[in-house]
């Protein structure tokens, strides 16, 4: 089945954007990644045969969201200097530096406040880059349980950020 990108976009763009907003908790990033998902689908060879274009589109969007969150977490992880002080760009204003430090603190606190098992799964996925299956094998749990804990972790981190005023 050939993909009619215009029809796919008209039918599912809003739905994909909302899906990404729930995953990321950020409308601007969701809009950007939604466009990226459609661009990736548009970039497929004409000979590509996709049985369910909507499902494929959501898979692409979910992968983009996961990669985006991994980059954010890696960026935060490697931003910390050995002394424990946050690395600060010389070009950043004091206000930008303060806001970045506050967001980092909120994120670290949210992760620290996760239940132990949920935190471990979250870190294995976003920091160690393990797949659901690898995490499941490592912790002797099902991939559905891994998925549940990751959804819980993201929801709790989002709630923590909202309560803290970071979102």
N, C-alpha and C. Protein backbone atom coordinates (compact mmCIF):
# COMPACT_ATOMS: atom_id res chain seq x y z
N UNK A 1 0.85 -1.18 0.00
CA UNK A 1 0.00 0.00 0.00
C UNK A 1 0.89 1.23 0.00
N UNK A 2 0.68 2.10 -0.93
CA UNK A 2 1.42 3.35 -1.02
C UNK A 2 0.83 4.36 -0.03
N UNK A 3 1.67 5.21 0.52
CA UNK A 3 1.22 6.18 1.51
C UNK A 3 0.86 7.49 0.83
N UNK A 4 -0.37 7.96 1.06
CA UNK A 4 -0.79 9.28 0.60
C UNK A 4 -0.52 10.23 1.77
N UNK A 5 0.61 10.92 1.68
CA UNK A 5 1.07 11.75 2.79
C UNK A 5 0.08 12.87 3.13
N UNK A 6 -0.51 13.46 2.12
CA UNK A 6 -1.47 14.55 2.37
C UNK A 6 -2.65 14.05 3.19
N UNK A 7 -3.20 12.92 2.82
CA UNK A 7 -4.34 12.35 3.55
C UNK A 7 -3.90 11.95 4.97
N UNK A 8 -2.74 11.33 5.07
CA UNK A 8 -2.23 10.92 6.38
C UNK A 8 -2.07 12.14 7.29
N UNK A 9 -1.52 13.23 6.75
CA UNK A 9 -1.33 14.45 7.52
C UNK A 9 -2.66 15.05 7.95
N UNK A 10 -3.59 15.16 7.00
CA UNK A 10 -4.88 15.76 7.32
C UNK A 10 -5.64 14.97 8.38
N UNK A 11 -5.52 13.67 8.34
CA UNK A 11 -6.26 12.83 9.28
C UNK A 11 -5.60 12.70 10.65
N UNK A 12 -4.27 12.77 10.70
CA UNK A 12 -3.60 12.38 11.94
C UNK A 12 -2.62 13.39 12.53
N UNK A 13 -2.42 14.54 11.89
CA UNK A 13 -1.44 15.48 12.41
C UNK A 13 -1.77 15.93 13.83
N UNK A 14 -3.00 16.31 14.06
CA UNK A 14 -3.41 16.78 15.40
C UNK A 14 -3.25 15.66 16.44
N UNK A 15 -3.66 14.47 16.06
CA UNK A 15 -3.57 13.32 16.95
C UNK A 15 -2.11 12.99 17.30
N UNK A 16 -1.22 13.05 16.31
CA UNK A 16 0.20 12.78 16.54
C UNK A 16 0.79 13.86 17.44
N UNK A 17 0.44 15.13 17.18
CA UNK A 17 0.95 16.23 18.00
C UNK A 17 0.50 16.08 19.46
N UNK A 18 -0.77 15.71 19.67
CA UNK A 18 -1.27 15.52 21.04
C UNK A 18 -0.58 14.34 21.71
N UNK A 19 -0.37 13.27 20.97
CA UNK A 19 0.35 12.10 21.48
C UNK A 19 1.74 12.52 21.95
N UNK A 20 2.44 13.29 21.13
CA UNK A 20 3.79 13.73 21.49
C UNK A 20 3.77 14.72 22.65
N UNK A 21 2.75 15.56 22.71
CA UNK A 21 2.64 16.51 23.83
C UNK A 21 2.48 15.77 25.15
N UNK A 22 1.67 14.70 25.14
CA UNK A 22 1.52 13.90 26.36
C UNK A 22 2.84 13.24 26.74
N UNK A 23 3.57 12.77 25.77
CA UNK A 23 4.85 12.10 26.04
C UNK A 23 5.92 13.06 26.54
N UNK A 24 5.94 14.27 25.95
CA UNK A 24 7.02 15.20 26.22
C UNK A 24 6.65 16.28 27.23
N UNK A 25 5.35 16.56 27.37
CA UNK A 25 4.92 17.62 28.28
C UNK A 25 5.27 19.00 27.76
N UNK A 26 5.51 19.13 26.46
CA UNK A 26 5.93 20.40 25.90
C UNK A 26 5.34 20.54 24.50
N UNK A 27 4.50 21.54 24.31
CA UNK A 27 3.82 21.74 23.03
C UNK A 27 4.75 22.10 21.89
N UNK A 28 5.76 22.91 22.15
CA UNK A 28 6.68 23.31 21.08
C UNK A 28 7.49 22.11 20.58
N UNK A 29 8.01 21.32 21.51
CA UNK A 29 8.76 20.12 21.10
C UNK A 29 7.85 19.13 20.39
N UNK A 30 6.62 19.02 20.86
CA UNK A 30 5.66 18.10 20.24
C UNK A 30 5.38 18.53 18.80
N UNK A 31 5.22 19.81 18.57
CA UNK A 31 4.97 20.30 17.21
C UNK A 31 6.17 20.02 16.31
N UNK A 32 7.36 20.28 16.82
CA UNK A 32 8.58 20.03 16.03
C UNK A 32 8.72 18.55 15.68
N UNK A 33 8.53 17.69 16.67
CA UNK A 33 8.70 16.26 16.44
C UNK A 33 7.58 15.69 15.58
N UNK A 34 6.39 16.28 15.66
CA UNK A 34 5.29 15.86 14.79
C UNK A 34 5.67 16.13 13.34
N UNK A 35 6.19 17.31 13.07
CA UNK A 35 6.64 17.62 11.71
C UNK A 35 7.75 16.68 11.27
N UNK A 36 8.68 16.41 12.16
CA UNK A 36 9.78 15.50 11.85
C UNK A 36 9.26 14.11 11.52
N UNK A 37 8.26 13.64 12.24
CA UNK A 37 7.68 12.31 11.96
C UNK A 37 7.10 12.27 10.55
N UNK A 38 6.36 13.30 10.18
CA UNK A 38 5.79 13.33 8.83
C UNK A 38 6.88 13.45 7.77
N UNK A 39 7.94 14.20 8.06
CA UNK A 39 9.05 14.31 7.11
C UNK A 39 9.72 12.95 6.91
N UNK A 40 9.87 12.21 7.98
CA UNK A 40 10.49 10.89 7.86
C UNK A 40 9.63 9.94 7.05
N UNK A 41 8.32 10.01 7.27
CA UNK A 41 7.41 9.17 6.48
C UNK A 41 7.47 9.61 5.02
N UNK A 42 7.52 10.92 4.78
CA UNK A 42 7.59 11.45 3.41
C UNK A 42 8.88 11.02 2.72
N UNK A 43 9.93 10.82 3.50
CA UNK A 43 11.22 10.44 2.95
C UNK A 43 11.34 8.98 2.56
N UNK A 44 10.32 8.19 2.85
CA UNK A 44 10.37 6.77 2.47
C UNK A 44 10.37 6.63 0.96
N UNK A 45 11.02 5.61 0.49
CA UNK A 45 11.03 5.34 -0.95
C UNK A 45 9.62 5.02 -1.41
N UNK A 46 9.30 5.41 -2.62
CA UNK A 46 7.97 5.17 -3.17
C UNK A 46 7.64 3.68 -3.20
N UNK A 47 8.67 2.86 -3.27
CA UNK A 47 8.44 1.41 -3.33
C UNK A 47 8.16 0.81 -1.95
N UNK A 48 8.32 1.62 -0.89
CA UNK A 48 8.07 1.11 0.46
C UNK A 48 6.59 0.75 0.61
N UNK A 49 6.38 -0.42 1.16
CA UNK A 49 5.00 -0.87 1.35
C UNK A 49 4.73 -0.95 2.85
N UNK A 50 3.78 -0.15 3.32
CA UNK A 50 3.44 -0.10 4.73
C UNK A 50 1.99 -0.52 4.87
N UNK A 51 1.75 -1.58 5.62
CA UNK A 51 0.39 -2.11 5.76
C UNK A 51 -0.53 -1.14 6.49
N UNK A 52 -0.01 -0.51 7.57
CA UNK A 52 -0.83 0.39 8.38
C UNK A 52 -0.07 1.71 8.57
N UNK A 53 -0.25 2.67 7.66
CA UNK A 53 0.50 3.93 7.73
C UNK A 53 0.32 4.69 9.04
N UNK A 54 -0.89 4.66 9.62
CA UNK A 54 -1.13 5.36 10.89
C UNK A 54 -0.26 4.76 11.99
N UNK A 55 -0.27 3.45 12.11
CA UNK A 55 0.56 2.78 13.13
C UNK A 55 2.03 3.07 12.91
N UNK A 56 2.45 3.02 11.65
CA UNK A 56 3.84 3.31 11.33
C UNK A 56 4.20 4.74 11.75
N UNK A 57 3.32 5.69 11.45
CA UNK A 57 3.54 7.08 11.81
C UNK A 57 3.68 7.24 13.32
N UNK A 58 2.83 6.57 14.09
CA UNK A 58 2.92 6.66 15.55
C UNK A 58 4.18 5.99 16.08
N UNK A 59 4.63 4.94 15.42
CA UNK A 59 5.89 4.30 15.81
C UNK A 59 7.05 5.26 15.59
N UNK A 60 7.05 5.92 14.44
CA UNK A 60 8.09 6.91 14.15
C UNK A 60 8.04 8.03 15.20
N UNK A 61 6.85 8.52 15.50
CA UNK A 61 6.69 9.60 16.49
C UNK A 61 7.16 9.17 17.87
N UNK A 62 6.81 7.95 18.28
CA UNK A 62 7.23 7.45 19.60
C UNK A 62 8.75 7.32 19.66
N UNK A 63 9.36 6.86 18.58
CA UNK A 63 10.82 6.74 18.55
C UNK A 63 11.48 8.11 18.61
N UNK A 64 10.93 9.07 17.90
CA UNK A 64 11.47 10.43 17.96
C UNK A 64 11.36 11.01 19.37
N UNK A 65 10.23 10.78 20.03
CA UNK A 65 10.05 11.26 21.40
C UNK A 65 11.05 10.62 22.34
N UNK A 66 11.22 9.31 22.21
CA UNK A 66 12.19 8.60 23.06
C UNK A 66 13.59 9.14 22.85
N UNK A 67 13.98 9.32 21.59
CA UNK A 67 15.32 9.84 21.29
C UNK A 67 15.49 11.26 21.81
N UNK A 68 14.45 12.06 21.70
CA UNK A 68 14.48 13.44 22.19
C UNK A 68 14.69 13.46 23.72
N UNK A 69 13.93 12.63 24.42
CA UNK A 69 14.08 12.58 25.88
C UNK A 69 15.45 12.05 26.28
N UNK A 70 15.96 11.09 25.56
CA UNK A 70 17.31 10.58 25.84
C UNK A 70 18.35 11.67 25.68
N UNK A 71 18.22 12.44 24.60
CA UNK A 71 19.17 13.54 24.39
C UNK A 71 19.09 14.55 25.52
N UNK A 72 17.88 14.88 25.96
CA UNK A 72 17.73 15.83 27.06
C UNK A 72 18.40 15.32 28.32
N UNK A 73 18.17 14.06 28.62
CA UNK A 73 18.74 13.49 29.85
C UNK A 73 20.26 13.37 29.74
N UNK A 74 20.76 12.94 28.57
CA UNK A 74 22.21 12.86 28.39
C UNK A 74 22.83 14.24 28.49
N UNK A 75 22.18 15.22 27.91
CA UNK A 75 22.68 16.59 27.97
C UNK A 75 22.79 17.04 29.42
N UNK A 76 21.77 16.76 30.20
CA UNK A 76 21.79 17.13 31.62
C UNK A 76 22.86 16.34 32.37
N UNK A 77 23.02 15.06 32.03
CA UNK A 77 23.98 14.21 32.72
C UNK A 77 25.41 14.71 32.49
N UNK A 78 25.74 15.06 31.26
CA UNK A 78 27.10 15.45 30.94
C UNK A 78 27.37 16.92 31.17
N UNK A 79 26.33 17.66 31.55
CA UNK A 79 26.49 19.07 31.86
C UNK A 79 27.13 19.27 33.23
N UNK A 80 27.10 18.24 34.05
CA UNK A 80 27.60 18.35 35.41
C UNK A 80 29.11 18.16 35.43
N UNK A 81 29.81 19.11 36.01
CA UNK A 81 31.26 19.06 36.14
C UNK A 81 31.65 18.08 37.25
N UNK A 82 32.88 17.56 37.24
CA UNK A 82 33.31 16.66 38.31
C UNK A 82 33.18 17.27 39.71
N UNK A 83 33.29 18.57 39.80
CA UNK A 83 33.17 19.22 41.11
C UNK A 83 31.74 19.22 41.62
N UNK A 84 30.81 18.83 40.73
CA UNK A 84 29.40 18.83 41.14
C UNK A 84 28.70 20.12 40.77
N UNK A 85 29.45 21.08 40.24
CA UNK A 85 28.85 22.35 39.83
C UNK A 85 28.41 22.23 38.38
N UNK A 86 27.28 22.83 38.07
CA UNK A 86 26.79 22.79 36.69
C UNK A 86 27.71 23.61 35.80
N UNK A 87 27.97 23.06 34.62
CA UNK A 87 28.75 23.80 33.62
C UNK A 87 27.86 24.92 33.10
N UNK A 88 28.40 26.10 33.00
CA UNK A 88 27.63 27.25 32.57
C UNK A 88 28.29 27.84 31.33
N UNK A 89 27.51 28.07 30.33
CA UNK A 89 28.01 28.69 29.11
C UNK A 89 28.39 30.13 29.43
N UNK A 90 29.52 30.55 28.88
CA UNK A 90 29.95 31.92 29.10
C UNK A 90 28.98 32.91 28.46
N UNK A 91 28.25 32.46 27.43
CA UNK A 91 27.33 33.35 26.73
C UNK A 91 25.99 33.47 27.45
N UNK A 92 25.72 32.62 28.41
CA UNK A 92 24.43 32.64 29.11
C UNK A 92 24.36 33.83 30.06
N UNK A 93 23.19 34.43 30.10
CA UNK A 93 22.97 35.52 31.04
C UNK A 93 22.79 34.92 32.43
N UNK A 94 22.93 35.71 33.47
CA UNK A 94 22.70 35.18 34.82
C UNK A 94 21.28 34.62 34.99
N UNK A 95 20.30 35.26 34.35
CA UNK A 95 18.92 34.78 34.46
C UNK A 95 18.77 33.43 33.78
N UNK A 96 19.38 33.27 32.59
CA UNK A 96 19.32 31.99 31.88
C UNK A 96 20.01 30.89 32.67
N UNK A 97 21.12 31.23 33.26
CA UNK A 97 21.86 30.26 34.07
C UNK A 97 21.03 29.84 35.28
N UNK A 98 20.40 30.80 35.94
CA UNK A 98 19.56 30.50 37.10
C UNK A 98 18.40 29.60 36.70
N UNK A 99 17.72 29.94 35.60
CA UNK A 99 16.59 29.13 35.15
C UNK A 99 17.04 27.72 34.78
N UNK A 100 18.17 27.60 34.10
CA UNK A 100 18.68 26.27 33.72
C UNK A 100 19.02 25.46 34.97
N UNK A 101 19.64 26.09 35.94
CA UNK A 101 19.98 25.39 37.19
C UNK A 101 18.73 24.97 37.95
N UNK A 102 17.71 25.83 37.94
CA UNK A 102 16.46 25.48 38.61
C UNK A 102 15.79 24.30 37.92
N UNK A 103 15.75 24.32 36.57
CA UNK A 103 15.17 23.18 35.83
C UNK A 103 15.94 21.90 36.11
N UNK A 104 17.26 21.99 36.13
CA UNK A 104 18.08 20.81 36.42
C UNK A 104 17.75 20.26 37.81
N UNK A 105 17.63 21.17 38.77
CA UNK A 105 17.32 20.76 40.13
C UNK A 105 15.95 20.08 40.20
N UNK A 106 14.97 20.66 39.51
CA UNK A 106 13.62 20.09 39.50
C UNK A 106 13.65 18.70 38.87
N UNK A 107 14.37 18.55 37.75
CA UNK A 107 14.46 17.25 37.08
C UNK A 107 15.15 16.22 37.98
N UNK A 108 16.26 16.60 38.57
CA UNK A 108 16.97 15.66 39.45
C UNK A 108 16.10 15.26 40.64
N UNK A 109 15.42 16.23 41.22
CA UNK A 109 14.55 15.96 42.37
C UNK A 109 13.40 15.03 41.97
N UNK A 110 12.81 15.29 40.79
CA UNK A 110 11.71 14.45 40.30
C UNK A 110 12.19 13.01 40.11
N UNK A 111 13.36 12.84 39.53
CA UNK A 111 13.90 11.50 39.33
C UNK A 111 14.22 10.85 40.67
N UNK A 112 14.81 11.60 41.57
CA UNK A 112 15.13 11.06 42.90
C UNK A 112 13.89 10.64 43.67
N UNK A 113 12.77 11.32 43.43
CA UNK A 113 11.53 11.03 44.15
C UNK A 113 10.75 9.85 43.58
N UNK A 114 11.20 9.32 42.45
CA UNK A 114 10.50 8.16 41.87
C UNK A 114 10.68 6.94 42.76
N UNK A 115 9.69 6.05 42.78
CA UNK A 115 9.88 4.79 43.50
C UNK A 115 11.13 4.07 42.96
N UNK A 116 11.79 3.33 43.79
CA UNK A 116 13.09 2.74 43.45
C UNK A 116 13.07 1.96 42.13
N UNK A 117 12.11 1.08 41.97
CA UNK A 117 12.05 0.26 40.76
C UNK A 117 11.78 1.13 39.52
N UNK A 118 10.88 2.08 39.65
CA UNK A 118 10.55 2.98 38.54
C UNK A 118 11.77 3.81 38.17
N UNK A 119 12.48 4.32 39.16
CA UNK A 119 13.69 5.12 38.92
C UNK A 119 14.75 4.28 38.20
N UNK A 120 14.93 3.05 38.65
CA UNK A 120 15.93 2.17 38.04
C UNK A 120 15.59 1.92 36.57
N UNK A 121 14.34 1.65 36.27
CA UNK A 121 13.91 1.41 34.90
C UNK A 121 14.09 2.67 34.06
N UNK A 122 13.70 3.80 34.61
CA UNK A 122 13.85 5.09 33.93
C UNK A 122 15.31 5.34 33.55
N UNK A 123 16.22 5.14 34.49
CA UNK A 123 17.64 5.38 34.23
C UNK A 123 18.23 4.36 33.25
N UNK A 124 17.80 3.11 33.37
CA UNK A 124 18.28 2.10 32.41
C UNK A 124 17.86 2.45 30.99
N UNK A 125 16.66 2.98 30.85
CA UNK A 125 16.15 3.30 29.53
C UNK A 125 16.76 4.60 28.98
N UNK A 126 16.69 5.67 29.76
CA UNK A 126 17.08 6.97 29.25
C UNK A 126 18.57 7.29 29.39
N UNK A 127 19.25 6.68 30.33
CA UNK A 127 20.68 6.97 30.49
C UNK A 127 21.52 5.84 29.91
N UNK A 128 21.18 4.61 30.22
CA UNK A 128 21.95 3.46 29.73
C UNK A 128 21.55 3.04 28.33
N UNK A 129 20.44 3.59 27.82
CA UNK A 129 19.97 3.30 26.46
C UNK A 129 19.61 1.83 26.23
N UNK A 130 19.12 1.17 27.25
CA UNK A 130 18.69 -0.21 27.09
C UNK A 130 17.28 -0.24 26.52
N UNK A 131 16.98 -1.26 25.74
CA UNK A 131 15.64 -1.43 25.18
C UNK A 131 14.70 -1.99 26.26
N UNK A 132 13.41 -1.97 25.97
CA UNK A 132 12.43 -2.55 26.90
C UNK A 132 12.81 -4.01 27.19
N UNK A 133 13.13 -4.74 26.13
CA UNK A 133 13.46 -6.16 26.28
C UNK A 133 14.71 -6.34 27.14
N UNK A 134 15.74 -5.54 26.90
CA UNK A 134 16.97 -5.66 27.69
C UNK A 134 16.71 -5.35 29.16
N UNK A 135 15.91 -4.34 29.41
CA UNK A 135 15.58 -4.00 30.80
C UNK A 135 14.78 -5.14 31.42
N UNK A 136 13.79 -5.64 30.68
CA UNK A 136 12.99 -6.76 31.18
C UNK A 136 13.84 -7.96 31.52
N UNK A 137 14.77 -8.31 30.64
CA UNK A 137 15.66 -9.44 30.89
C UNK A 137 16.55 -9.18 32.11
N UNK A 138 17.07 -7.98 32.19
CA UNK A 138 17.98 -7.62 33.30
C UNK A 138 17.27 -7.67 34.65
N UNK A 139 15.99 -7.22 34.68
CA UNK A 139 15.25 -7.14 35.94
C UNK A 139 14.25 -8.28 36.11
N UNK A 140 14.22 -9.21 35.16
CA UNK A 140 13.29 -10.35 35.19
C UNK A 140 11.83 -9.89 35.28
N UNK A 141 11.48 -8.94 34.40
CA UNK A 141 10.10 -8.45 34.32
C UNK A 141 9.70 -8.41 32.85
N UNK A 142 8.40 -8.28 32.59
CA UNK A 142 7.92 -8.25 31.21
C UNK A 142 8.16 -6.87 30.59
N UNK A 143 8.14 -6.83 29.27
CA UNK A 143 8.29 -5.55 28.59
C UNK A 143 7.10 -4.64 28.88
N UNK A 144 5.94 -5.22 29.13
CA UNK A 144 4.76 -4.41 29.49
C UNK A 144 4.97 -3.72 30.84
N UNK A 145 5.62 -4.42 31.75
CA UNK A 145 5.92 -3.82 33.06
C UNK A 145 6.92 -2.68 32.90
N UNK A 146 7.91 -2.88 32.03
CA UNK A 146 8.88 -1.81 31.75
C UNK A 146 8.15 -0.59 31.20
N UNK A 147 7.28 -0.82 30.23
CA UNK A 147 6.53 0.27 29.62
C UNK A 147 5.68 1.00 30.67
N UNK A 148 5.02 0.24 31.54
CA UNK A 148 4.20 0.83 32.60
C UNK A 148 5.05 1.75 33.49
N UNK A 149 6.20 1.25 33.92
CA UNK A 149 7.05 2.05 34.81
C UNK A 149 7.59 3.31 34.11
N UNK A 150 7.89 3.20 32.82
CA UNK A 150 8.35 4.39 32.11
C UNK A 150 7.25 5.43 31.97
N UNK A 151 6.03 4.98 31.70
CA UNK A 151 4.90 5.92 31.64
C UNK A 151 4.70 6.58 33.00
N UNK A 152 4.77 5.78 34.05
CA UNK A 152 4.62 6.33 35.40
C UNK A 152 5.71 7.34 35.71
N UNK A 153 6.94 7.01 35.34
CA UNK A 153 8.07 7.91 35.61
C UNK A 153 7.87 9.25 34.91
N UNK A 154 7.49 9.20 33.64
CA UNK A 154 7.29 10.44 32.90
C UNK A 154 6.14 11.25 33.47
N UNK A 155 5.06 10.59 33.82
CA UNK A 155 3.91 11.29 34.40
C UNK A 155 4.29 11.93 35.73
N UNK A 156 5.00 11.19 36.56
CA UNK A 156 5.40 11.74 37.88
C UNK A 156 6.38 12.90 37.72
N UNK A 157 7.32 12.77 36.78
CA UNK A 157 8.28 13.86 36.56
C UNK A 157 7.55 15.11 36.04
N UNK A 158 6.61 14.91 35.13
CA UNK A 158 5.82 16.04 34.61
C UNK A 158 5.03 16.69 35.74
N UNK A 159 4.38 15.88 36.58
CA UNK A 159 3.60 16.42 37.69
C UNK A 159 4.50 17.18 38.66
N UNK A 160 5.64 16.63 38.95
CA UNK A 160 6.60 17.28 39.84
C UNK A 160 7.03 18.62 39.27
N UNK A 161 7.31 18.64 37.97
CA UNK A 161 7.73 19.89 37.32
C UNK A 161 6.61 20.93 37.36
N UNK A 162 5.39 20.49 37.13
CA UNK A 162 4.25 21.43 37.17
C UNK A 162 4.06 21.99 38.58
N UNK A 163 4.13 21.12 39.58
CA UNK A 163 3.97 21.59 40.97
C UNK A 163 5.09 22.54 41.35
N UNK A 164 6.28 22.33 40.77
CA UNK A 164 7.43 23.18 41.08
C UNK A 164 7.44 24.46 40.28
N UNK A 165 6.52 24.56 39.30
CA UNK A 165 6.48 25.75 38.46
C UNK A 165 7.49 25.73 37.33
N UNK A 166 8.12 24.58 37.06
CA UNK A 166 9.12 24.50 36.00
C UNK A 166 8.48 24.33 34.63
N UNK A 167 7.20 23.93 34.58
CA UNK A 167 6.51 23.80 33.27
C UNK A 167 5.43 24.86 33.17
